[in-house]
Every structure is written in C-alpha cells, then in structure tokens.
Amino acid sequence: MLNITEGDNECYISKEERINELMDLYASDLKRIAYLYVNDRVQCEDIVQEVFISCYKNLNKFRMESSYKTWLIRITVNKCKDFKRKWSIRNIVYRPFVDPEKNKAEQGKTPSEYLEEKEDSEAIINVIRSLSPKYQDVLILFYYYDLTLKEISIITKVKFNTVKSRITRGRELLKGELERRGYKYG
C-alpha cells in the first residue's frame, strides 16, 4: 500500500492509486459520518461515492493545507448537508449503532445493560436532533469522531474560537435538555 504521508513521492503516485488508497483508508469513517447525518444506509453509500468522485475531480486542487482525512470529512459533511437541504431530513444516529467494532465490544454486556445504554443513547440522539445544525455538527465531530477543534474549524469553515464556543454552548444545551427529561449525567 502507498503511504499517503510521503510528501516527496507525491508526483510518482497516479491519481487512481491515490484515490484507491484514500478509499481504503477512509471509506468506513466517511460512511459512519454520512450515516450519522442521513440515517439511511443506501443514501450514505451514495454520498460517500459522491465524495470520492468529487475528490477524484478535485485532487489536483488539494493544497495540502490540511490532511486528506480532514479534507474528505469536510467534503462528506458538505454532501450530507446538501442531501439534508434537498430532502429536509434531520436524522442522526449514535456511532455504536453503525460501528460494527463497537458492537463487538458490547457483546459482553447483559441484555439489561445493553438496553439501558441503548435507551440513554436514543435520548441523547433525540436531544442532538433537536439542536440547531451548528451545534449538531461540532458535537458530532468533536465527541463521536474525536476531531480537534482545529480540524473541526477546517471542516466546518468556522473560526476556531467559534467552534470552541459552539461546543461549550451545545454541551450546555444538551445537558440542560437531558436533565429536563430526567437524565442525570456526571
């Protein structure tokens, strides 16, 4: 496999090889992100396919100001927003429900533990769905994908301090609404 980080050898790697490597490395993550936004497996597959088509068409325009992963996530989020605008869909799903590795780790839980965690996750999902998209975006990227504030800033094209304040405000809104619904956290 080619090494994406090899800056000196960039010119020796064909466009097709680069796209294939990017697909191998990031397709699963991009599908999870798309699924969080559109809650439809077929649509998330289509969106990720569109992401890689767009990547292929614009690979020569990539300026290396961020990582390939950050660039692809930004394209994915934008494609998802386009889809949501087009179809007015506002469904997202908590990562463990679309992450097979997470589900494998949960196999040791008792049915009641799993059910309780699932109910808590669904409550969190419902609250996140009720938040403004500007809070949804930063909370999903920060907490579910462990991206840095800088990466979120690049992906969302929002200033670093704005991302920071949206995470803080989104967390406050999430906590307040969960407490209002009777959930106690932390």
Protein backbone atom coordinates (compact mmCIF):
# COMPACT_ATOMS: atom_id res chain seq x y z
CA MET A 1 0.00 0.00 0.00
CA LEU A 2 1.20 3.52 -0.73
CA ASN A 3 1.91 5.87 2.10
CA ILE A 4 -0.34 8.93 1.98
CA THR A 5 2.10 10.96 4.07
CA GLU A 6 5.04 10.60 1.71
CA GLY A 7 5.33 14.18 0.52
CA ASP A 8 8.45 13.61 -1.59
CA ASN A 9 6.80 10.89 -3.67
CA GLU A 10 3.53 12.74 -4.36
CA CYS A 11 4.35 13.18 -8.04
CA TYR A 12 5.08 9.46 -8.52
CA ILE A 13 1.66 8.27 -7.38
CA SER A 14 -1.06 8.23 -10.01
CA LYS A 15 -4.39 9.87 -9.35
CA GLU A 16 -6.13 6.48 -9.46
CA GLU A 17 -3.68 4.99 -6.94
CA ARG A 18 -4.17 7.97 -4.63
CA ILE A 19 -7.98 7.65 -4.78
CA ASN A 20 -7.81 3.91 -4.17
CA GLU A 21 -5.62 4.43 -1.14
CA LEU A 22 -7.86 7.17 0.22
CA MET A 23 -10.87 4.89 -0.24
CA ASP A 24 -9.12 2.05 1.59
CA LEU A 25 -8.12 4.31 4.46
CA TYR A 26 -11.19 6.48 4.94
CA ALA A 27 -14.30 4.98 3.32
CA SER A 28 -15.53 3.35 6.55
CA ASP A 29 -15.16 6.55 8.58
CA LEU A 30 -16.86 8.59 5.89
CA LYS A 31 -19.76 6.12 5.74
CA ARG A 32 -20.25 6.43 9.51
CA ILE A 33 -20.23 10.22 9.28
CA ALA A 34 -22.70 10.18 6.40
CA TYR A 35 -24.91 7.71 8.27
CA LEU A 36 -24.96 9.99 11.32
CA TYR A 37 -26.34 12.74 9.13
CA VAL A 38 -28.76 10.92 6.83
CA ASN A 39 -29.72 7.76 8.79
CA ASP A 40 -30.10 5.77 5.59
CA ARG A 41 -27.55 3.14 4.56
CA VAL A 42 -28.25 3.42 0.83
CA GLN A 43 -28.01 7.22 0.89
CA CYS A 44 -24.80 7.16 2.93
CA GLU A 45 -23.24 4.80 0.36
CA ASP A 46 -24.30 7.20 -2.41
CA ILE A 47 -22.94 10.20 -0.53
CA VAL A 48 -19.57 8.54 0.05
CA GLN A 49 -19.42 7.59 -3.61
CA GLU A 50 -20.10 11.25 -4.49
CA VAL A 51 -17.36 12.29 -2.05
CA PHE A 52 -14.78 10.15 -3.83
CA ILE A 53 -15.97 11.30 -7.25
CA SER A 54 -15.58 14.89 -6.08
CA CYS A 55 -12.19 14.02 -4.59
CA TYR A 56 -11.08 12.48 -7.89
CA LYS A 57 -12.21 15.53 -9.87
CA ASN A 58 -10.54 17.97 -7.47
CA LEU A 59 -7.46 16.04 -6.33
CA ASN A 60 -5.18 18.35 -8.29
CA LYS A 61 -6.70 21.33 -6.42
CA PHE A 62 -5.90 19.88 -2.98
CA ARG A 63 -3.47 22.40 -1.45
CA MET A 64 -2.15 20.25 1.44
CA GLU A 65 -3.34 22.88 3.95
CA SER A 66 -4.93 20.05 5.91
CA SER A 67 -4.73 16.27 5.93
CA TYR A 68 -6.53 14.19 3.34
CA LYS A 69 -8.77 12.89 6.12
CA THR A 70 -9.82 16.40 7.15
CA TRP A 71 -10.45 17.34 3.52
CA LEU A 72 -12.56 14.22 2.90
CA ILE A 73 -14.56 14.76 6.09
CA ARG A 74 -15.29 18.34 5.02
CA ILE A 75 -16.49 17.13 1.62
CA THR A 76 -18.62 14.45 3.32
CA VAL A 77 -20.22 16.90 5.74
CA ASN A 78 -20.98 19.28 2.87
CA LYS A 79 -22.50 16.48 0.76
CA CYS A 80 -24.61 15.43 3.75
CA LYS A 81 -25.80 18.99 4.29
CA ASP A 82 -26.71 19.21 0.61
CA PHE A 83 -28.67 15.98 0.96
CA LYS A 84 -30.44 17.21 4.11
CA ARG A 85 -31.33 20.51 2.47
CA LYS A 86 -32.60 18.72 -0.58
CA TRP A 87 -34.74 16.20 1.31
CA SER A 88 -35.29 18.06 4.63
CA ILE A 89 -34.08 15.04 6.58
CA ARG A 90 -32.78 15.64 10.10
CA ASN A 91 -31.95 12.13 11.36
CA ILE A 92 -28.70 11.16 13.01
CA VAL A 93 -27.67 8.00 14.82
CA TYR A 94 -25.26 7.43 17.65
CA ARG A 95 -21.98 5.88 16.43
CA PRO A 96 -22.24 2.43 18.14
CA PHE A 97 -25.32 1.60 16.10
CA VAL A 98 -23.34 1.96 12.88
CA ASP A 99 -19.92 0.85 14.09
CA PRO A 100 -19.52 -2.94 13.98
CA GLU A 101 -16.31 -2.80 16.05
CA LYS A 102 -18.18 -1.03 18.85
CA ASN A 103 -20.95 -3.63 18.68
CA LYS A 104 -18.38 -6.43 19.06
CA ALA A 105 -17.07 -4.78 22.21
CA GLU A 106 -20.60 -4.62 23.63
CA GLN A 107 -21.22 -8.35 23.29
CA GLY A 108 -20.09 -8.97 26.90
CA LYS A 109 -22.90 -6.83 28.35
CA THR A 110 -26.05 -8.21 29.86
CA PRO A 111 -29.26 -7.58 27.92
CA SER A 112 -30.48 -5.13 30.57
CA GLU A 113 -27.18 -3.19 30.48
CA TYR A 114 -27.28 -3.04 26.72
CA LEU A 115 -30.95 -1.95 26.71
CA GLU A 116 -30.30 0.75 29.30
CA GLU A 117 -27.32 2.07 27.33
CA LYS A 118 -29.34 1.98 24.11
CA GLU A 119 -32.18 3.94 25.74
CA ASP A 120 -29.71 6.52 27.05
CA SER A 121 -28.11 6.76 23.60
CA GLU A 122 -31.50 7.23 21.97
CA ALA A 123 -32.30 10.03 24.44
CA ILE A 124 -29.01 11.73 23.55
CA ILE A 125 -29.74 11.26 19.84
CA ASN A 126 -33.17 12.83 20.20
CA VAL A 127 -31.74 15.82 22.04
CA ILE A 128 -28.96 16.29 19.48
CA ARG A 129 -31.59 16.11 16.72
CA SER A 130 -33.44 18.96 18.39
CA LEU A 131 -30.37 21.21 18.44
CA SER A 132 -29.51 23.70 15.75
CA PRO A 133 -27.35 22.21 12.95
CA LYS A 134 -24.44 24.43 14.02
CA TYR A 135 -24.36 22.61 17.37
CA GLN A 136 -25.07 19.19 15.85
CA ASP A 137 -22.05 19.48 13.56
CA VAL A 138 -19.50 20.39 16.20
CA LEU A 139 -20.80 17.94 18.82
CA ILE A 140 -20.76 15.01 16.39
CA LEU A 141 -17.30 15.82 15.05
CA PHE A 142 -15.81 16.51 18.49
CA TYR A 143 -17.33 13.75 20.60
CA TYR A 144 -18.08 10.94 18.17
CA TYR A 145 -15.06 11.35 15.88
CA ASP A 146 -12.54 12.78 18.34
CA LEU A 147 -11.51 15.55 15.97
CA THR A 148 -9.55 18.50 17.29
CA LEU A 149 -11.02 21.99 17.39
CA LYS A 150 -8.67 22.98 14.58
CA GLU A 151 -9.86 20.08 12.38
CA ILE A 152 -13.49 20.96 13.10
CA SER A 153 -12.74 24.57 12.23
CA ILE A 154 -11.30 23.50 8.87
CA ILE A 155 -14.14 21.08 8.11
CA THR A 156 -16.95 23.47 9.01
CA LYS A 157 -15.13 26.57 7.72
CA VAL A 158 -15.87 28.30 11.02
CA LYS A 159 -13.34 30.23 13.12
CA PHE A 160 -11.53 28.27 15.84
CA ASN A 161 -13.00 30.32 18.73
CA THR A 162 -16.49 29.99 17.26
CA VAL A 163 -16.09 26.20 17.18
CA LYS A 164 -14.94 26.30 20.79
CA SER A 165 -17.94 28.37 21.89
CA ARG A 166 -20.37 26.20 19.90
CA ILE A 167 -19.07 23.06 21.61
CA THR A 168 -19.44 24.72 25.01
CA ARG A 169 -22.92 26.05 24.22
CA GLY A 170 -24.01 22.79 22.56
CA ARG A 171 -22.86 20.82 25.60
CA GLU A 172 -24.82 23.18 27.89
CA LEU A 173 -27.95 22.81 25.75
CA LEU A 174 -27.54 19.03 25.65
CA LYS A 175 -27.04 18.75 29.41
CA GLY A 176 -29.95 21.08 30.18
CA GLU A 177 -32.36 19.21 27.94
CA LEU A 178 -31.27 15.80 29.26
CA GLU A 179 -31.77 17.00 32.85
CA ARG A 180 -35.17 18.41 31.91
CA ARG A 181 -36.08 14.94 30.61
CA GLY A 182 -34.95 13.32 33.87
CA TYR A 183 -31.48 12.05 32.91
CA LYS A 184 -28.61 12.63 35.31
CA TYR A 185 -25.07 12.68 33.92
CA GLY A 186 -21.71 13.43 35.51
